[in-house]
Amino acid sequence: MSAASRGRAAPRRRGCGLALLAAVVLAPGLVMTGLAGGARAMEVGGINVPDTYVVDGTTLRLNGAGVRTLTLLEVKVYVAALYLTQPMHDGRAIEASPGPKVLTLRFLHEGSKAQVERQYRAGEQENCGGGRCSAADGPDFERLIALAPAVKVGDSTTYIFTAQGVTVLANDRVLAKFANPDLGFRLLNGFLGATPPSKTLRAALLGMPG
């Protein structure tokens, strides 16, 4: 994954590039309200994507959304949407911003638990091979893999990033809690950094032309 934003001395971290699923982490005491009632929606990949998400009383706005596809057949895997306190179009600036951030995935294709784990392992090798990330995040990364479920069409995964860590929900239920900002940074960087699931998806999340 890419280095942290300019002006920020980012610790070396264990990454989790995610091509199929991502999951897990929460700072104790975080109140998650979820999608705001009555929020307007835009359609992406046949999925209605609300334009707001509320975290601990703070309303986040939809920054961008796009479809992740795989193979030359362009199989649609999920619709990803990024919510921020204000619109931003630079991945490094988003990663460095202090406010809460939310990334949602709505699955359009099923995947077994074994397939999910393979994607985690492949992403880790791509983004953290050669000792580029700290081994200190290893236990949390392994727990993440152990908890990541198989996915069915219509399932969702939500990541809530704060300065204290990251919360991951599966179908709007908390999977686990990790007070680990480093892991949260790497999960988000896996979508916005130098090696995203696809450049087209990254551009869509940043609210830019593909």
N, C-alpha and C. Protein backbone atom coordinates (compact mmCIF):
# COMPACT_ATOMS: atom_id res chain seq x y z
N MET A 1 0.83 -1.18 0.00
CA MET A 1 0.00 0.00 0.00
C MET A 1 0.87 1.24 0.00
N SER A 2 0.24 2.38 -0.28
CA SER A 2 1.01 3.60 -0.41
C SER A 2 1.45 4.14 0.93
N ALA A 3 2.42 5.02 0.91
CA ALA A 3 2.87 5.67 2.12
C ALA A 3 1.79 6.60 2.62
N ALA A 4 1.91 7.05 3.85
CA ALA A 4 0.90 7.93 4.43
C ALA A 4 1.00 9.29 3.78
N SER A 5 0.03 10.13 4.10
CA SER A 5 -0.06 11.43 3.46
C SER A 5 1.12 12.31 3.77
N ARG A 6 1.36 13.30 2.87
CA ARG A 6 2.43 14.26 3.09
C ARG A 6 2.19 14.99 4.39
N GLY A 7 3.25 15.25 5.13
CA GLY A 7 3.14 15.96 6.38
C GLY A 7 2.81 15.07 7.54
N ARG A 8 2.62 13.77 7.29
CA ARG A 8 2.30 12.85 8.38
C ARG A 8 3.36 11.76 8.42
N ALA A 9 3.92 11.58 9.61
CA ALA A 9 4.91 10.52 9.76
C ALA A 9 4.16 9.24 10.09
N ALA A 10 3.82 8.51 9.08
CA ALA A 10 2.99 7.32 9.28
C ALA A 10 3.83 6.16 9.77
N PRO A 11 3.35 5.46 10.83
CA PRO A 11 4.06 4.27 11.27
C PRO A 11 3.98 3.18 10.22
N ARG A 12 4.96 2.28 10.21
CA ARG A 12 4.93 1.15 9.30
C ARG A 12 3.92 0.16 9.82
N ARG A 13 3.06 -0.32 8.94
CA ARG A 13 1.93 -1.10 9.41
C ARG A 13 1.68 -2.31 8.55
N ARG A 14 1.02 -3.27 9.13
CA ARG A 14 0.66 -4.46 8.38
C ARG A 14 -0.60 -4.16 7.60
N GLY A 15 -0.60 -4.38 6.31
CA GLY A 15 -1.71 -3.97 5.47
C GLY A 15 -2.65 -5.11 5.13
N CYS A 16 -3.78 -4.74 4.56
CA CYS A 16 -4.80 -5.70 4.19
C CYS A 16 -5.47 -5.24 2.92
N GLY A 17 -4.83 -5.34 1.77
CA GLY A 17 -5.46 -4.98 0.52
C GLY A 17 -6.64 -5.90 0.28
N LEU A 18 -7.79 -5.33 0.01
CA LEU A 18 -8.99 -6.13 -0.04
C LEU A 18 -9.63 -6.09 -1.42
N ALA A 19 -9.72 -7.24 -2.07
CA ALA A 19 -10.36 -7.29 -3.37
C ALA A 19 -11.75 -7.89 -3.28
N LEU A 20 -12.08 -8.54 -2.17
CA LEU A 20 -13.39 -9.17 -2.07
C LEU A 20 -14.13 -8.72 -0.83
N LEU A 21 -13.48 -8.73 0.32
CA LEU A 21 -14.16 -8.37 1.56
C LEU A 21 -13.18 -7.70 2.48
N ALA A 22 -13.66 -6.92 3.42
CA ALA A 22 -12.80 -6.34 4.43
C ALA A 22 -13.59 -6.30 5.70
N ALA A 23 -12.93 -6.27 6.88
CA ALA A 23 -13.68 -6.28 8.12
C ALA A 23 -12.92 -5.80 9.32
N VAL A 24 -13.61 -5.35 10.42
CA VAL A 24 -13.24 -5.36 11.81
C VAL A 24 -12.50 -4.21 12.50
N VAL A 25 -13.06 -3.66 13.55
CA VAL A 25 -12.37 -2.82 14.52
C VAL A 25 -13.23 -1.71 15.12
N LEU A 26 -13.08 -1.42 16.38
CA LEU A 26 -13.85 -0.35 17.00
C LEU A 26 -13.17 0.23 18.20
N ALA A 27 -13.29 1.53 18.34
CA ALA A 27 -12.82 2.21 19.53
C ALA A 27 -13.92 2.13 20.57
N PRO A 28 -13.58 1.74 21.81
CA PRO A 28 -14.61 1.63 22.84
C PRO A 28 -15.39 2.93 22.98
N GLY A 29 -16.70 2.82 23.13
CA GLY A 29 -17.52 3.99 23.36
C GLY A 29 -18.06 4.64 22.10
N LEU A 30 -17.67 4.17 20.94
CA LEU A 30 -18.15 4.77 19.71
C LEU A 30 -19.62 4.43 19.53
N VAL A 31 -20.41 5.47 19.24
CA VAL A 31 -21.84 5.27 19.00
C VAL A 31 -22.08 5.28 17.51
N MET A 32 -22.65 4.22 16.98
CA MET A 32 -22.90 4.12 15.55
C MET A 32 -24.38 4.27 15.29
N THR A 33 -24.77 5.31 14.59
CA THR A 33 -26.17 5.52 14.28
C THR A 33 -26.55 4.87 12.97
N GLY A 34 -25.65 4.88 11.99
CA GLY A 34 -25.90 4.25 10.72
C GLY A 34 -26.48 5.20 9.71
N LEU A 35 -27.10 4.65 8.68
CA LEU A 35 -27.64 5.46 7.60
C LEU A 35 -28.76 6.33 8.14
N ALA A 36 -28.70 7.61 7.80
CA ALA A 36 -29.67 8.56 8.31
C ALA A 36 -31.05 8.26 7.74
N GLY A 37 -32.06 8.31 8.60
CA GLY A 37 -33.41 8.07 8.15
C GLY A 37 -33.83 9.10 7.12
N GLY A 38 -34.45 8.65 6.05
CA GLY A 38 -34.90 9.55 5.01
C GLY A 38 -33.81 10.06 4.09
N ALA A 39 -32.60 9.50 4.22
CA ALA A 39 -31.50 9.96 3.38
C ALA A 39 -31.79 9.67 1.91
N ARG A 40 -31.50 10.65 1.05
CA ARG A 40 -31.66 10.43 -0.38
C ARG A 40 -30.63 9.41 -0.85
N ALA A 41 -30.89 8.79 -1.97
CA ALA A 41 -29.99 7.75 -2.45
C ALA A 41 -29.68 7.95 -3.92
N MET A 42 -28.48 7.52 -4.32
CA MET A 42 -28.13 7.46 -5.73
C MET A 42 -27.97 6.00 -6.10
N GLU A 43 -28.21 5.65 -7.34
CA GLU A 43 -28.11 4.26 -7.75
C GLU A 43 -26.75 4.00 -8.37
N VAL A 44 -26.06 2.97 -7.86
CA VAL A 44 -24.75 2.57 -8.37
C VAL A 44 -24.77 1.05 -8.51
N GLY A 45 -24.55 0.56 -9.70
CA GLY A 45 -24.53 -0.87 -9.91
C GLY A 45 -25.84 -1.56 -9.54
N GLY A 46 -26.94 -0.83 -9.66
CA GLY A 46 -28.24 -1.40 -9.30
C GLY A 46 -28.55 -1.34 -7.83
N ILE A 47 -27.65 -0.72 -7.02
CA ILE A 47 -27.83 -0.61 -5.58
C ILE A 47 -28.10 0.84 -5.21
N ASN A 48 -29.09 1.08 -4.35
CA ASN A 48 -29.35 2.41 -3.85
C ASN A 48 -28.34 2.76 -2.76
N VAL A 49 -27.56 3.81 -2.98
CA VAL A 49 -26.52 4.23 -2.04
C VAL A 49 -26.96 5.54 -1.38
N PRO A 50 -27.32 5.52 -0.08
CA PRO A 50 -27.74 6.74 0.61
C PRO A 50 -26.64 7.80 0.60
N ASP A 51 -27.02 9.07 0.65
CA ASP A 51 -26.02 10.13 0.56
C ASP A 51 -25.53 10.61 1.91
N THR A 52 -26.00 10.00 3.02
CA THR A 52 -25.49 10.35 4.33
C THR A 52 -25.32 9.11 5.20
N TYR A 53 -24.45 9.23 6.19
CA TYR A 53 -24.23 8.17 7.19
C TYR A 53 -23.89 8.88 8.49
N VAL A 54 -24.54 8.51 9.59
CA VAL A 54 -24.35 9.20 10.86
C VAL A 54 -23.49 8.36 11.80
N VAL A 55 -22.43 8.97 12.34
CA VAL A 55 -21.53 8.32 13.29
C VAL A 55 -21.43 9.19 14.54
N ASP A 56 -21.89 8.67 15.67
CA ASP A 56 -21.76 9.39 16.95
C ASP A 56 -22.28 10.81 16.86
N GLY A 57 -23.41 10.97 16.19
CA GLY A 57 -24.04 12.27 16.08
C GLY A 57 -23.52 13.14 14.95
N THR A 58 -22.49 12.69 14.26
CA THR A 58 -21.92 13.45 13.15
C THR A 58 -22.44 12.89 11.82
N THR A 59 -23.01 13.74 11.01
CA THR A 59 -23.52 13.32 9.71
C THR A 59 -22.41 13.39 8.67
N LEU A 60 -22.09 12.26 8.10
CA LEU A 60 -21.10 12.19 7.03
C LEU A 60 -21.82 12.21 5.69
N ARG A 61 -21.15 12.78 4.68
CA ARG A 61 -21.73 12.90 3.36
C ARG A 61 -21.06 11.94 2.39
N LEU A 62 -21.83 11.46 1.45
CA LEU A 62 -21.30 10.55 0.44
C LEU A 62 -20.25 11.29 -0.39
N ASN A 63 -19.02 10.76 -0.39
CA ASN A 63 -17.93 11.36 -1.16
C ASN A 63 -17.86 10.79 -2.57
N GLY A 64 -18.15 9.49 -2.68
CA GLY A 64 -18.13 8.82 -3.96
C GLY A 64 -18.49 7.36 -3.81
N ALA A 65 -18.90 6.73 -4.89
CA ALA A 65 -19.27 5.32 -4.86
C ALA A 65 -19.00 4.70 -6.23
N GLY A 66 -18.68 3.40 -6.22
CA GLY A 66 -18.40 2.73 -7.48
C GLY A 66 -18.53 1.22 -7.34
N VAL A 67 -18.40 0.54 -8.46
CA VAL A 67 -18.55 -0.91 -8.52
C VAL A 67 -17.18 -1.56 -8.68
N ARG A 68 -16.91 -2.59 -7.90
CA ARG A 68 -15.70 -3.38 -8.04
C ARG A 68 -16.00 -4.55 -8.96
N THR A 69 -15.21 -4.69 -10.03
CA THR A 69 -15.37 -5.81 -10.94
C THR A 69 -14.10 -6.65 -10.97
N LEU A 70 -14.25 -7.92 -11.34
CA LEU A 70 -13.13 -8.85 -11.43
C LEU A 70 -13.12 -9.54 -12.79
N THR A 71 -11.94 -9.89 -13.25
CA THR A 71 -11.68 -10.65 -14.47
C THR A 71 -12.08 -9.86 -15.72
N LEU A 72 -11.68 -10.40 -16.86
CA LEU A 72 -12.00 -9.76 -18.14
C LEU A 72 -13.50 -9.76 -18.40
N LEU A 73 -14.22 -10.65 -17.72
CA LEU A 73 -15.67 -10.68 -17.87
C LEU A 73 -16.34 -9.59 -17.06
N GLU A 74 -15.55 -8.88 -16.24
CA GLU A 74 -16.04 -7.79 -15.41
C GLU A 74 -17.21 -8.22 -14.54
N VAL A 75 -16.99 -9.31 -13.80
CA VAL A 75 -17.99 -9.77 -12.84
C VAL A 75 -18.12 -8.73 -11.73
N LYS A 76 -19.32 -8.29 -11.46
CA LYS A 76 -19.55 -7.29 -10.42
C LYS A 76 -19.50 -7.95 -9.05
N VAL A 77 -18.59 -7.48 -8.20
CA VAL A 77 -18.38 -8.10 -6.89
C VAL A 77 -19.08 -7.33 -5.78
N TYR A 78 -18.89 -6.03 -5.72
CA TYR A 78 -19.57 -5.22 -4.71
C TYR A 78 -19.65 -3.77 -5.14
N VAL A 79 -20.54 -3.04 -4.47
CA VAL A 79 -20.62 -1.58 -4.60
C VAL A 79 -20.01 -0.99 -3.34
N ALA A 80 -19.01 -0.15 -3.50
CA ALA A 80 -18.34 0.51 -2.38
C ALA A 80 -18.74 1.98 -2.34
N ALA A 81 -18.91 2.51 -1.12
CA ALA A 81 -19.25 3.92 -0.95
C ALA A 81 -18.43 4.49 0.20
N LEU A 82 -17.94 5.70 0.02
CA LEU A 82 -17.11 6.36 1.02
C LEU A 82 -17.83 7.60 1.54
N TYR A 83 -17.90 7.73 2.88
CA TYR A 83 -18.56 8.86 3.53
C TYR A 83 -17.55 9.65 4.35
N LEU A 84 -17.57 10.98 4.20
CA LEU A 84 -16.65 11.87 4.90
C LEU A 84 -17.41 13.05 5.49
N THR A 85 -16.74 13.80 6.39
CA THR A 85 -17.38 14.98 6.96
C THR A 85 -17.53 16.09 5.94
N GLN A 86 -16.64 16.12 4.94
CA GLN A 86 -16.72 17.08 3.86
C GLN A 86 -16.10 16.47 2.61
N PRO A 87 -16.49 16.91 1.43
CA PRO A 87 -15.96 16.33 0.20
C PRO A 87 -14.45 16.50 0.09
N MET A 88 -13.76 15.43 -0.29
CA MET A 88 -12.32 15.46 -0.49
C MET A 88 -11.99 14.55 -1.67
N HIS A 89 -10.97 14.94 -2.44
CA HIS A 89 -10.67 14.20 -3.66
C HIS A 89 -9.22 13.73 -3.72
N ASP A 90 -8.54 13.79 -2.60
CA ASP A 90 -7.14 13.34 -2.52
C ASP A 90 -7.04 12.23 -1.48
N GLY A 91 -6.59 11.06 -1.91
CA GLY A 91 -6.54 9.91 -1.01
C GLY A 91 -5.68 10.14 0.21
N ARG A 92 -4.53 10.74 0.03
CA ARG A 92 -3.64 10.98 1.16
C ARG A 92 -4.25 11.95 2.15
N ALA A 93 -4.90 13.00 1.64
CA ALA A 93 -5.54 13.97 2.52
C ALA A 93 -6.67 13.32 3.31
N ILE A 94 -7.42 12.44 2.67
CA ILE A 94 -8.50 11.74 3.36
C ILE A 94 -7.95 10.87 4.47
N GLU A 95 -6.89 10.11 4.17
CA GLU A 95 -6.30 9.24 5.18
C GLU A 95 -5.78 10.02 6.37
N ALA A 96 -5.27 11.24 6.13
CA ALA A 96 -4.69 12.05 7.19
C ALA A 96 -5.73 12.87 7.95
N SER A 97 -6.93 13.01 7.42
CA SER A 97 -7.94 13.86 8.05
C SER A 97 -8.38 13.26 9.38
N PRO A 98 -8.62 14.12 10.39
CA PRO A 98 -8.91 13.62 11.74
C PRO A 98 -10.34 13.14 11.95
N GLY A 99 -11.26 13.54 11.12
CA GLY A 99 -12.66 13.20 11.36
C GLY A 99 -12.98 11.75 11.06
N PRO A 100 -14.17 11.31 11.47
CA PRO A 100 -14.59 9.93 11.18
C PRO A 100 -14.80 9.73 9.69
N LYS A 101 -14.64 8.50 9.26
CA LYS A 101 -14.83 8.13 7.86
C LYS A 101 -15.55 6.79 7.84
N VAL A 102 -16.37 6.57 6.85
CA VAL A 102 -17.10 5.32 6.73
C VAL A 102 -16.97 4.79 5.31
N LEU A 103 -16.68 3.50 5.21
CA LEU A 103 -16.64 2.81 3.92
C LEU A 103 -17.62 1.65 3.98
N THR A 104 -18.55 1.62 3.06
CA THR A 104 -19.52 0.53 3.02
C THR A 104 -19.33 -0.31 1.76
N LEU A 105 -19.54 -1.60 1.89
CA LEU A 105 -19.51 -2.52 0.76
C LEU A 105 -20.83 -3.28 0.73
N ARG A 106 -21.48 -3.29 -0.43
CA ARG A 106 -22.69 -4.08 -0.61
C ARG A 106 -22.40 -5.10 -1.70
N PHE A 107 -22.50 -6.37 -1.35
CA PHE A 107 -22.04 -7.43 -2.25
C PHE A 107 -23.05 -7.79 -3.33
N LEU A 108 -22.52 -7.92 -4.53
CA LEU A 108 -23.31 -8.30 -5.70
C LEU A 108 -22.99 -9.72 -6.15
N HIS A 109 -22.02 -10.35 -5.47
CA HIS A 109 -21.56 -11.69 -5.84
C HIS A 109 -21.18 -12.43 -4.56
N GLU A 110 -21.47 -13.71 -4.51
CA GLU A 110 -21.14 -14.49 -3.31
C GLU A 110 -19.67 -14.87 -3.28
N GLY A 111 -19.17 -15.16 -2.09
CA GLY A 111 -17.79 -15.63 -1.93
C GLY A 111 -17.69 -16.49 -0.69
N SER A 112 -17.02 -17.64 -0.79
CA SER A 112 -16.86 -18.52 0.36
C SER A 112 -15.85 -17.92 1.34
N LYS A 113 -15.85 -18.43 2.56
CA LYS A 113 -14.88 -17.95 3.54
C LYS A 113 -13.46 -18.21 3.06
N ALA A 114 -13.22 -19.34 2.42
CA ALA A 114 -11.89 -19.64 1.89
C ALA A 114 -11.47 -18.62 0.83
N GLN A 115 -12.41 -18.23 -0.01
CA GLN A 115 -12.11 -17.23 -1.03
C GLN A 115 -11.80 -15.88 -0.39
N VAL A 116 -12.55 -15.54 0.63
CA VAL A 116 -12.31 -14.28 1.35
C VAL A 116 -10.91 -14.29 1.96
N GLU A 117 -10.55 -15.38 2.61
CA GLU A 117 -9.22 -15.46 3.23
C GLU A 117 -8.12 -15.36 2.18
N ARG A 118 -8.30 -16.01 1.04
CA ARG A 118 -7.28 -15.93 0.00
C ARG A 118 -7.07 -14.48 -0.47
N GLN A 119 -8.14 -13.74 -0.55
CA GLN A 119 -8.03 -12.35 -0.96
C GLN A 119 -7.27 -11.52 0.08
N TYR A 120 -7.53 -11.78 1.35
CA TYR A 120 -6.79 -11.10 2.41
C TYR A 120 -5.30 -11.41 2.30
N ARG A 121 -4.97 -12.68 2.15
CA ARG A 121 -3.56 -13.09 2.10
C ARG A 121 -2.87 -12.49 0.88
N ALA A 122 -3.56 -12.52 -0.25
CA ALA A 122 -2.97 -11.97 -1.46
C ALA A 122 -2.75 -10.47 -1.32
N GLY A 123 -3.71 -9.79 -0.72
CA GLY A 123 -3.58 -8.36 -0.50
C GLY A 123 -2.45 -8.02 0.44
N GLU A 124 -2.30 -8.82 1.49
CA GLU A 124 -1.21 -8.59 2.44
C GLU A 124 0.14 -8.73 1.75
N GLN A 125 0.27 -9.76 0.92
CA GLN A 125 1.53 -9.98 0.23
C GLN A 125 1.85 -8.84 -0.72
N GLU A 126 0.84 -8.38 -1.42
CA GLU A 126 1.04 -7.30 -2.39
C GLU A 126 1.41 -5.99 -1.72
N ASN A 127 0.76 -5.70 -0.59
CA ASN A 127 0.94 -4.40 0.04
C ASN A 127 1.99 -4.38 1.15
N CYS A 128 2.31 -5.53 1.70
CA CYS A 128 3.22 -5.56 2.84
C CYS A 128 4.40 -6.51 2.66
N GLY A 129 4.54 -7.09 1.47
CA GLY A 129 5.66 -7.99 1.24
C GLY A 129 6.99 -7.28 1.40
N GLY A 130 8.01 -8.02 1.81
CA GLY A 130 9.34 -7.45 1.98
C GLY A 130 9.49 -6.62 3.24
N GLY A 131 8.63 -6.87 4.24
CA GLY A 131 8.76 -6.17 5.52
C GLY A 131 8.33 -4.72 5.47
N ARG A 132 7.45 -4.35 4.53
CA ARG A 132 7.04 -2.96 4.41
C ARG A 132 6.06 -2.52 5.48
N CYS A 133 5.51 -3.45 6.23
CA CYS A 133 4.55 -3.12 7.28
C CYS A 133 5.01 -3.71 8.61
N SER A 134 4.57 -3.09 9.67
CA SER A 134 4.97 -3.53 11.00
C SER A 134 4.35 -4.88 11.36
N ALA A 135 5.15 -5.72 12.01
CA ALA A 135 4.64 -7.01 12.47
C ALA A 135 3.73 -6.86 13.68
N ALA A 136 3.69 -5.67 14.28
CA ALA A 136 2.90 -5.45 15.49
C ALA A 136 1.40 -5.62 15.24
N ASP A 137 0.97 -5.41 13.99
CA ASP A 137 -0.45 -5.55 13.67
C ASP A 137 -0.83 -6.98 13.32
N GLY A 138 0.16 -7.89 13.35
CA GLY A 138 -0.09 -9.27 12.98
C GLY A 138 -1.25 -9.93 13.71
N PRO A 139 -1.30 -9.85 15.05
CA PRO A 139 -2.41 -10.51 15.77
C PRO A 139 -3.78 -9.99 15.36
N ASP A 140 -3.91 -8.67 15.20
CA ASP A 140 -5.21 -8.13 14.79
C ASP A 140 -5.56 -8.54 13.37
N PHE A 141 -4.55 -8.58 12.51
CA PHE A 141 -4.80 -9.01 11.14
C PHE A 141 -5.28 -10.46 11.10
N GLU A 142 -4.67 -11.32 11.88
CA GLU A 142 -5.08 -12.72 11.91
C GLU A 142 -6.48 -12.86 12.50
N ARG A 143 -6.80 -12.04 13.47
CA ARG A 143 -8.14 -12.09 14.05
C ARG A 143 -9.16 -11.64 13.01
N LEU A 144 -8.79 -10.62 12.27
CA LEU A 144 -9.67 -10.12 11.20
C LEU A 144 -10.00 -11.24 10.22
N ILE A 145 -8.97 -11.96 9.80
CA ILE A 145 -9.18 -13.06 8.85
C ILE A 145 -10.06 -14.14 9.45
N ALA A 146 -9.81 -14.46 10.72
CA ALA A 146 -10.58 -15.52 11.37
C ALA A 146 -12.06 -15.16 11.46
N LEU A 147 -12.35 -13.87 11.64
CA LEU A 147 -13.73 -13.44 11.83
C LEU A 147 -14.45 -13.14 10.52
N ALA A 148 -13.71 -12.88 9.47
CA ALA A 148 -14.34 -12.50 8.20
C ALA A 148 -15.22 -13.64 7.69
N PRO A 149 -16.50 -13.38 7.50
CA PRO A 149 -17.41 -14.45 7.07
C PRO A 149 -17.45 -14.61 5.56
N ALA A 150 -18.06 -15.69 5.13
CA ALA A 150 -18.41 -15.82 3.72
C ALA A 150 -19.47 -14.76 3.42
N VAL A 151 -19.61 -14.41 2.15
CA VAL A 151 -20.58 -13.38 1.79
C VAL A 151 -21.56 -13.90 0.75
N LYS A 152 -22.79 -13.39 0.84
CA LYS A 152 -23.83 -13.71 -0.12
C LYS A 152 -24.29 -12.43 -0.81
N VAL A 153 -24.97 -12.59 -1.91
CA VAL A 153 -25.51 -11.42 -2.61
C VAL A 153 -26.44 -10.66 -1.67
N GLY A 154 -26.23 -9.37 -1.54
CA GLY A 154 -27.04 -8.55 -0.66
C GLY A 154 -26.41 -8.30 0.70
N ASP A 155 -25.38 -9.07 1.06
CA ASP A 155 -24.68 -8.84 2.33
C ASP A 155 -23.93 -7.51 2.28
N SER A 156 -23.63 -7.00 3.47
CA SER A 156 -22.88 -5.74 3.54
C SER A 156 -21.77 -5.83 4.57
N THR A 157 -20.72 -5.05 4.33
CA THR A 157 -19.65 -4.84 5.29
C THR A 157 -19.47 -3.33 5.42
N THR A 158 -19.38 -2.86 6.65
CA THR A 158 -19.20 -1.44 6.90
C THR A 158 -17.99 -1.23 7.78
N TYR A 159 -17.12 -0.26 7.41
CA TYR A 159 -15.94 0.09 8.19
C TYR A 159 -16.11 1.51 8.70
N ILE A 160 -16.02 1.68 9.98
CA ILE A 160 -16.09 3.01 10.58
C ILE A 160 -14.72 3.32 11.15
N PHE A 161 -14.07 4.32 10.56
CA PHE A 161 -12.70 4.69 10.94
C PHE A 161 -12.72 5.94 11.82
N THR A 162 -12.01 5.88 12.94
CA THR A 162 -11.84 7.04 13.81
C THR A 162 -10.37 7.12 14.20
N ALA A 163 -10.04 8.17 14.95
CA ALA A 163 -8.66 8.32 15.40
C ALA A 163 -8.27 7.22 16.38
N GLN A 164 -9.26 6.57 16.99
CA GLN A 164 -8.98 5.52 17.97
C GLN A 164 -8.90 4.12 17.37
N GLY A 165 -9.42 3.93 16.18
CA GLY A 165 -9.41 2.59 15.60
C GLY A 165 -10.41 2.46 14.49
N VAL A 166 -10.86 1.26 14.27
CA VAL A 166 -11.83 1.01 13.20
C VAL A 166 -12.83 -0.04 13.64
N THR A 167 -14.08 0.18 13.29
CA THR A 167 -15.15 -0.77 13.57
C THR A 167 -15.57 -1.42 12.29
N VAL A 168 -15.76 -2.72 12.33
CA VAL A 168 -16.25 -3.39 11.12
C VAL A 168 -17.55 -4.09 11.45
N LEU A 169 -18.53 -3.84 10.62
CA LEU A 169 -19.84 -4.45 10.77
C LEU A 169 -20.09 -5.40 9.61
N ALA A 170 -20.76 -6.50 9.90
CA ALA A 170 -21.23 -7.40 8.86
C ALA A 170 -22.75 -7.39 8.93
N ASN A 171 -23.38 -6.95 7.87
CA ASN A 171 -24.83 -6.82 7.85
C ASN A 171 -25.33 -6.01 9.05
N ASP A 172 -24.62 -4.91 9.31
CA ASP A 172 -24.96 -3.92 10.34
C ASP A 172 -24.79 -4.44 11.76
N ARG A 173 -24.08 -5.53 11.94
CA ARG A 173 -23.77 -6.05 13.28
C ARG A 173 -22.26 -6.05 13.46
N VAL A 174 -21.81 -5.62 14.65
CA VAL A 174 -20.38 -5.52 14.92
C VAL A 174 -19.74 -6.91 14.93
N LEU A 175 -18.67 -7.06 14.16
CA LEU A 175 -17.92 -8.32 14.17
C LEU A 175 -16.95 -8.36 15.34
N ALA A 176 -16.24 -7.25 15.56
CA ALA A 176 -15.23 -7.21 16.61
C ALA A 176 -14.81 -5.77 16.84
N LYS A 177 -14.02 -5.56 17.90
CA LYS A 177 -13.54 -4.22 18.23
C LYS A 177 -12.02 -4.24 18.35
N PHE A 178 -11.37 -3.33 17.63
CA PHE A 178 -9.92 -3.19 17.69
C PHE A 178 -9.57 -1.71 17.90
N ALA A 179 -8.90 -1.42 18.99
CA ALA A 179 -8.40 -0.06 19.20
C ALA A 179 -7.03 0.02 18.54
N ASN A 180 -7.02 -0.01 17.22
CA ASN A 180 -5.79 -0.10 16.44
C ASN A 180 -5.87 0.82 15.22
N PRO A 181 -5.48 2.10 15.39
CA PRO A 181 -5.54 3.04 14.26
C PRO A 181 -4.69 2.59 13.07
N ASP A 182 -3.58 1.91 13.34
CA ASP A 182 -2.72 1.47 12.24
C ASP A 182 -3.46 0.52 11.30
N LEU A 183 -4.15 -0.43 11.87
CA LEU A 183 -4.90 -1.37 11.05
C LEU A 183 -5.99 -0.64 10.27
N GLY A 184 -6.66 0.30 10.94
CA GLY A 184 -7.67 1.09 10.26
C GLY A 184 -7.10 1.87 9.09
N PHE A 185 -5.93 2.47 9.31
CA PHE A 185 -5.28 3.22 8.24
C PHE A 185 -5.01 2.32 7.05
N ARG A 186 -4.50 1.13 7.30
CA ARG A 186 -4.16 0.23 6.21
C ARG A 186 -5.39 -0.28 5.47
N LEU A 187 -6.47 -0.52 6.19
CA LEU A 187 -7.70 -0.95 5.53
C LEU A 187 -8.19 0.13 4.56
N LEU A 188 -8.21 1.37 5.04
CA LEU A 188 -8.66 2.47 4.19
C LEU A 188 -7.68 2.69 3.04
N ASN A 189 -6.39 2.61 3.34
CA ASN A 189 -5.37 2.79 2.32
C ASN A 189 -5.46 1.72 1.24
N GLY A 190 -5.98 0.55 1.61
CA GLY A 190 -6.16 -0.52 0.64
C GLY A 190 -7.13 -0.13 -0.48
N PHE A 191 -8.00 0.84 -0.20
CA PHE A 191 -8.94 1.31 -1.22
C PHE A 191 -8.49 2.62 -1.86
N LEU A 192 -7.76 3.45 -1.11
CA LEU A 192 -7.42 4.79 -1.59
C LEU A 192 -5.95 4.97 -1.94
N GLY A 193 -5.11 3.99 -1.61
CA GLY A 193 -3.67 4.11 -1.81
C GLY A 193 -3.21 3.72 -3.21
N ALA A 194 -1.94 3.37 -3.30
CA ALA A 194 -1.31 3.09 -4.59
C ALA A 194 -1.76 1.78 -5.22
N THR A 195 -2.23 0.83 -4.39
CA THR A 195 -2.64 -0.47 -4.92
C THR A 195 -4.09 -0.78 -4.50
N PRO A 196 -5.04 -0.01 -5.01
CA PRO A 196 -6.45 -0.26 -4.67
C PRO A 196 -6.98 -1.49 -5.41
N PRO A 197 -8.17 -1.95 -5.05
CA PRO A 197 -8.76 -3.07 -5.79
C PRO A 197 -8.81 -2.80 -7.29
N SER A 198 -9.09 -1.54 -7.66
CA SER A 198 -8.98 -1.11 -9.06
C SER A 198 -8.86 0.41 -9.06
N LYS A 199 -8.17 0.94 -10.07
CA LYS A 199 -8.02 2.40 -10.16
C LYS A 199 -9.35 3.07 -10.44
N THR A 200 -10.20 2.37 -11.18
CA THR A 200 -11.51 2.93 -11.47
C THR A 200 -12.34 3.08 -10.20
N LEU A 201 -12.29 2.06 -9.33
CA LEU A 201 -13.03 2.14 -8.07
C LEU A 201 -12.45 3.23 -7.18
N ARG A 202 -11.13 3.31 -7.12
CA ARG A 202 -10.49 4.36 -6.32
C ARG A 202 -10.95 5.75 -6.78
N ALA A 203 -10.95 5.97 -8.07
CA ALA A 203 -11.39 7.27 -8.60
C ALA A 203 -12.85 7.54 -8.25
N ALA A 204 -13.68 6.52 -8.30
CA ALA A 204 -15.09 6.69 -7.96
C ALA A 204 -15.26 7.08 -6.48
N LEU A 205 -14.52 6.43 -5.59
CA LEU A 205 -14.60 6.74 -4.17
C LEU A 205 -14.12 8.16 -3.89
N LEU A 206 -13.15 8.62 -4.68
CA LEU A 206 -12.63 9.97 -4.52
C LEU A 206 -13.51 11.01 -5.20
N GLY A 207 -14.59 10.56 -5.83
CA GLY A 207 -15.47 11.50 -6.50
C GLY A 207 -14.88 12.09 -7.76
N MET A 208 -14.04 11.32 -8.44
CA MET A 208 -13.35 11.79 -9.63
C MET A 208 -13.74 10.92 -10.83
N PRO A 209 -13.54 11.44 -12.04
CA PRO A 209 -13.79 10.62 -13.23
C PRO A 209 -12.88 9.41 -13.24
N GLY A 210 -13.35 8.26 -13.73
CA GLY A 210 -12.56 7.04 -13.75
C GLY A 210 -11.39 7.08 -14.71
